[in-house]
Each structure stands twice: as structure tokens, then as C-alpha cells.
Amino acid sequence: MYHNILVPISFDSQRDVSAPLKLARLLATPKALVTLLHVVEHIPGYAISYMPPDYLTEARTAIQAELDQLAKELPHAIGVVVEGHSGRTILDWTETNKPDLIIIASHRPGMQDLLLGSTASQVVRHAACAVHVVR
């Protein structure tokens, strides 16, 4: 059983967030803290000028609301939105917050993953705690 669980959440249409949440519920101690973390990728400077001025604020607010709704499914869960590169930012967050388990969803690897590497594989390779990958 784990006391501090991190569940990175991706809102991609191909991802099912229910499996990592079910697993977190099963592996958490009764008073475990479960953090649902979403990483907002940086928008390149050349692209941001074409977006409405309040786009980032509204997007962040909508994502936080979605995370808060998911967090209601688990006791002692919170939603956190951060900005950065997904793999590196998840690892940086774990260095600061010291979870004892990361539950991360992964898709079936494709050719681009062999060349570039996926977020889940980066987390598995470099995390200092246990990592459970859900497909």
C-alpha cells in the first residue's frame, strides 16, 4: 500500500483515465494523498501570438476544473496543473514532492516512440520511486 501516489493525467482522446484512477484506489492506504497531475506543454512564441490573449488562462482553468472533477472520485485526491515538457516536468515534480508510486497510462508504442521516446518510458527510466504503467 502506498501513502503518496502521483497519477499523471493526459486528456488525449485515446487515453482512458479510469484505469489509473481505479489502480490508485486499490493501491492507496486509507489516508493516502493522490495527486492528479496534468502538464500543459509550452506553446512556442511564434504560435502564441495567433491565439486569443486569455487562451492560456482559460485553458488552465478548464483543465483544473476537469482534474478537480476526477479528484472527487478518490478520497484525499487533488488536481495540479503545471507547465513544461511532460516527461521532464513529471520527474521534476516527483523530486520535489517525493511520491512513493507513480501510476502512468501508456499507449501501445509506435515507430515514433522508438525514435523519440514516450512520456511513460521517460518516467519509467528516470523516476526514483516505483512506477506502474497501465495500458
C-alpha atoms as a PDB file:
ATOM      1  CA  MET A   1       0.000   0.000   0.000  1.00  0.00           C
ATOM      2  CA  TYR A   2       1.195   3.480  -0.863  1.00  0.00           C
ATOM      3  CA  HIS A   3       0.897   6.784   1.003  1.00  0.00           C
ATOM      4  CA  ASN A   4       1.702   9.354  -1.701  1.00  0.00           C
ATOM      5  CA  ILE A   5       0.632   8.497  -5.245  1.00  0.00           C
ATOM      6  CA  LEU A   6       1.126  10.544  -8.387  1.00  0.00           C
ATOM      7  CA  VAL A   7      -1.179   9.949 -11.354  1.00  0.00           C
ATOM      8  CA  PRO A   8      -0.171  11.993 -14.417  1.00  0.00           C
ATOM      9  CA  ILE A   9      -3.315  12.701 -16.441  1.00  0.00           C
ATOM     10  CA  SER A  10      -3.401  13.223 -20.183  1.00  0.00           C
ATOM     11  CA  PHE A  11      -6.640  14.387 -21.762  1.00  0.00           C
ATOM     12  CA  ASP A  12      -5.784  12.967 -25.194  1.00  0.00           C
ATOM     13  CA  SER A  13      -8.806  11.380 -26.842  1.00  0.00           C
ATOM     14  CA  GLN A  14      -7.087   7.958 -26.998  1.00  0.00           C
ATOM     15  CA  ARG A  15      -6.338   7.855 -23.268  1.00  0.00           C
ATOM     16  CA  ASP A  16      -8.643   6.263 -20.724  1.00  0.00           C
ATOM     17  CA  VAL A  17      -8.072   7.860 -17.334  1.00  0.00           C
ATOM     18  CA  SER A  18     -10.353   5.435 -15.493  1.00  0.00           C
ATOM     19  CA  ALA A  19      -7.790   2.595 -15.286  1.00  0.00           C
ATOM     20  CA  PRO A  20      -5.066   4.617 -13.490  1.00  0.00           C
ATOM     21  CA  LEU A  21      -7.686   6.027 -11.097  1.00  0.00           C
ATOM     22  CA  LYS A  22      -9.019   2.537 -10.265  1.00  0.00           C
ATOM     23  CA  LEU A  23      -5.493   1.318  -9.639  1.00  0.00           C
ATOM     24  CA  ALA A  24      -4.733   4.306  -7.404  1.00  0.00           C
ATOM     25  CA  ARG A  25      -7.850   3.495  -5.379  1.00  0.00           C
ATOM     26  CA  LEU A  26      -6.709  -0.125  -4.986  1.00  0.00           C
ATOM     27  CA  LEU A  27      -3.097   0.641  -4.034  1.00  0.00           C
ATOM     28  CA  ALA A  28      -3.648   3.640  -1.749  1.00  0.00           C
ATOM     29  CA  THR A  29      -3.700   3.445   2.015  1.00  0.00           C
ATOM     30  CA  PRO A  30      -6.912   4.847   3.550  1.00  0.00           C
ATOM     31  CA  LYS A  31      -5.305   8.267   4.127  1.00  0.00           C
ATOM     32  CA  ALA A  32      -3.023   8.345   1.087  1.00  0.00           C
ATOM     33  CA  LEU A  33      -2.568  11.565  -0.847  1.00  0.00           C
ATOM     34  CA  VAL A  34      -3.285  11.055  -4.542  1.00  0.00           C
ATOM     35  CA  THR A  35      -2.167  13.834  -6.886  1.00  0.00           C
ATOM     36  CA  LEU A  36      -3.639  14.042 -10.374  1.00  0.00           C
ATOM     37  CA  LEU A  37      -1.047  15.993 -12.360  1.00  0.00           C
ATOM     38  CA  HIS A  38      -1.555  17.473 -15.808  1.00  0.00           C
ATOM     39  CA  VAL A  39       1.348  19.054 -17.672  1.00  0.00           C
ATOM     40  CA  VAL A  40       0.467  21.838 -20.103  1.00  0.00           C
ATOM     41  CA  GLU A  41       3.077  21.908 -22.845  1.00  0.00           C
ATOM     42  CA  HIS A  42       4.671  25.276 -23.596  1.00  0.00           C
ATOM     43  CA  ILE A  43       3.298  26.970 -26.694  1.00  0.00           C
ATOM     44  CA  PRO A  44       6.043  28.255 -28.977  1.00  0.00           C
ATOM     45  CA  GLY A  45       6.388  32.032 -29.143  1.00  0.00           C
ATOM     46  CA  TYR A  46       5.574  32.151 -32.833  1.00  0.00           C
ATOM     47  CA  ALA A  47       2.230  30.378 -32.209  1.00  0.00           C
ATOM     48  CA  ILE A  48       1.093  32.191 -29.066  1.00  0.00           C
ATOM     49  CA  SER A  49       0.733  35.464 -30.954  1.00  0.00           C
ATOM     50  CA  TYR A  50      -2.052  33.889 -33.035  1.00  0.00           C
ATOM     51  CA  MET A  51      -4.100  32.842 -30.002  1.00  0.00           C
ATOM     52  CA  PRO A  52      -6.597  34.926 -28.041  1.00  0.00           C
ATOM     53  CA  PRO A  53      -4.930  36.823 -25.172  1.00  0.00           C
ATOM     54  CA  ASP A  54      -6.789  34.870 -22.467  1.00  0.00           C
ATOM     55  CA  TYR A  55      -6.352  31.435 -24.112  1.00  0.00           C
ATOM     56  CA  LEU A  56      -3.777  30.104 -21.631  1.00  0.00           C
ATOM     57  CA  THR A  57      -5.713  31.317 -18.598  1.00  0.00           C
ATOM     58  CA  GLU A  58      -8.974  29.823 -19.835  1.00  0.00           C
ATOM     59  CA  ALA A  59      -7.328  26.548 -20.844  1.00  0.00           C
ATOM     60  CA  ARG A  60      -5.619  26.214 -17.467  1.00  0.00           C
ATOM     61  CA  THR A  61      -8.918  26.945 -15.652  1.00  0.00           C
ATOM     62  CA  ALA A  62     -10.763  24.324 -17.719  1.00  0.00           C
ATOM     63  CA  ILE A  63      -8.075  21.710 -17.120  1.00  0.00           C
ATOM     64  CA  GLN A  64      -8.056  22.421 -13.386  1.00  0.00           C
ATOM     65  CA  ALA A  65     -11.854  22.010 -13.273  1.00  0.00           C
ATOM     66  CA  GLU A  66     -11.561  18.675 -15.088  1.00  0.00           C
ATOM     67  CA  LEU A  67      -8.872  17.480 -12.671  1.00  0.00           C
ATOM     68  CA  ASP A  68     -10.935  18.594  -9.676  1.00  0.00           C
ATOM     69  CA  GLN A  69     -13.885  16.581 -11.008  1.00  0.00           C
ATOM     70  CA  LEU A  70     -11.688  13.483 -11.386  1.00  0.00           C
ATOM     71  CA  ALA A  71     -10.231  14.025  -7.913  1.00  0.00           C
ATOM     72  CA  LYS A  72     -13.719  13.730  -6.401  1.00  0.00           C
ATOM     73  CA  GLU A  73     -13.631  10.040  -7.341  1.00  0.00           C
ATOM     74  CA  LEU A  74     -10.824   9.360  -4.856  1.00  0.00           C
ATOM     75  CA  PRO A  75     -10.504  10.207  -1.179  1.00  0.00           C
ATOM     76  CA  HIS A  76      -7.719  12.683  -0.383  1.00  0.00           C
ATOM     77  CA  ALA A  77      -7.052  13.445  -4.057  1.00  0.00           C
ATOM     78  CA  ILE A  78      -6.081  16.792  -5.523  1.00  0.00           C
ATOM     79  CA  GLY A  79      -5.592  18.082  -9.051  1.00  0.00           C
ATOM     80  CA  VAL A  80      -2.490  20.021 -10.025  1.00  0.00           C
ATOM     81  CA  VAL A  81      -1.728  21.785 -13.316  1.00  0.00           C
ATOM     82  CA  VAL A  82       1.871  22.625 -14.194  1.00  0.00           C
ATOM     83  CA  GLU A  83       3.618  23.848 -17.332  1.00  0.00           C
ATOM     84  CA  GLY A  84       6.581  22.318 -19.118  1.00  0.00           C
ATOM     85  CA  HIS A  85       7.676  19.303 -21.119  1.00  0.00           C
ATOM     86  CA  SER A  86       5.596  16.354 -19.915  1.00  0.00           C
ATOM     87  CA  GLY A  87       8.273  13.773 -19.117  1.00  0.00           C
ATOM     88  CA  ARG A  88      10.819  16.139 -17.609  1.00  0.00           C
ATOM     89  CA  THR A  89       8.190  18.091 -15.657  1.00  0.00           C
ATOM     90  CA  ILE A  90       6.694  14.926 -14.136  1.00  0.00           C
ATOM     91  CA  LEU A  91      10.159  13.876 -13.000  1.00  0.00           C
ATOM     92  CA  ASP A  92      10.909  17.343 -11.606  1.00  0.00           C
ATOM     93  CA  TRP A  93       7.604  17.292  -9.710  1.00  0.00           C
ATOM     94  CA  THR A  94       8.469  13.898  -8.197  1.00  0.00           C
ATOM     95  CA  GLU A  95      11.855  15.151  -6.995  1.00  0.00           C
ATOM     96  CA  THR A  96      10.133  17.927  -5.073  1.00  0.00           C
ATOM     97  CA  ASN A  97       7.038  16.074  -3.803  1.00  0.00           C
ATOM     98  CA  LYS A  98       8.506  12.584  -3.227  1.00  0.00           C
ATOM     99  CA  PRO A  99       5.627  10.256  -4.173  1.00  0.00           C
ATOM    100  CA  ASP A 100       6.203   6.599  -3.378  1.00  0.00           C
ATOM    101  CA  LEU A 101       4.333   5.465  -6.507  1.00  0.00           C
ATOM    102  CA  ILE A 102       3.620   6.870  -9.970  1.00  0.00           C
ATOM    103  CA  ILE A 103       0.730   5.349 -11.914  1.00  0.00           C
ATOM    104  CA  ILE A 104       1.016   6.392 -15.546  1.00  0.00           C
ATOM    105  CA  ALA A 105      -1.033   5.416 -18.570  1.00  0.00           C
ATOM    106  CA  SER A 106       0.691   4.419 -21.767  1.00  0.00           C
ATOM    107  CA  HIS A 107      -0.385   3.695 -25.296  1.00  0.00           C
ATOM    108  CA  ARG A 108       0.919   0.896 -27.473  1.00  0.00           C
ATOM    109  CA  PRO A 109       4.324   2.055 -28.689  1.00  0.00           C
ATOM    110  CA  GLY A 110       4.664   3.036 -32.324  1.00  0.00           C
ATOM    111  CA  MET A 111       7.649   3.762 -34.515  1.00  0.00           C
ATOM    112  CA  GLN A 112       7.842   7.391 -33.345  1.00  0.00           C
ATOM    113  CA  ASP A 113       8.229   6.158 -29.755  1.00  0.00           C
ATOM    114  CA  LEU A 114      11.262   4.112 -30.733  1.00  0.00           C
ATOM    115  CA  LEU A 115      12.871   7.221 -32.173  1.00  0.00           C
ATOM    116  CA  LEU A 116      11.689   9.917 -29.763  1.00  0.00           C
ATOM    117  CA  GLY A 117      10.633   8.076 -26.597  1.00  0.00           C
ATOM    118  CA  SER A 118       7.300   8.407 -24.859  1.00  0.00           C
ATOM    119  CA  THR A 119       6.465  10.185 -21.625  1.00  0.00           C
ATOM    120  CA  ALA A 120       5.795   6.893 -19.845  1.00  0.00           C
ATOM    121  CA  SER A 121       9.119   5.390 -20.902  1.00  0.00           C
ATOM    122  CA  GLN A 122      10.995   8.503 -19.777  1.00  0.00           C
ATOM    123  CA  VAL A 123       9.286   8.375 -16.382  1.00  0.00           C
ATOM    124  CA  VAL A 124       9.941   4.630 -16.012  1.00  0.00           C
ATOM    125  CA  ARG A 125      13.632   5.060 -16.844  1.00  0.00           C
ATOM    126  CA  HIS A 126      14.330   8.020 -14.573  1.00  0.00           C
ATOM    127  CA  ALA A 127      11.877   8.026 -11.644  1.00  0.00           C
ATOM    128  CA  ALA A 128      13.335   7.488  -8.183  1.00  0.00           C
ATOM    129  CA  CYS A 129      10.184   5.681  -6.969  1.00  0.00           C
ATOM    130  CA  ALA A 130       8.043   2.758  -8.101  1.00  0.00           C
ATOM    131  CA  VAL A 131       6.233   3.259 -11.406  1.00  0.00           C
ATOM    132  CA  HIS A 132       3.193   1.288 -12.504  1.00  0.00           C
ATOM    133  CA  VAL A 133       2.357   1.574 -16.220  1.00  0.00           C
ATOM    134  CA  VAL A 134      -1.254   0.971 -17.233  1.00  0.00           C
ATOM    135  CA  ARG A 135      -2.300   0.132 -20.787  1.00  0.00           C
END
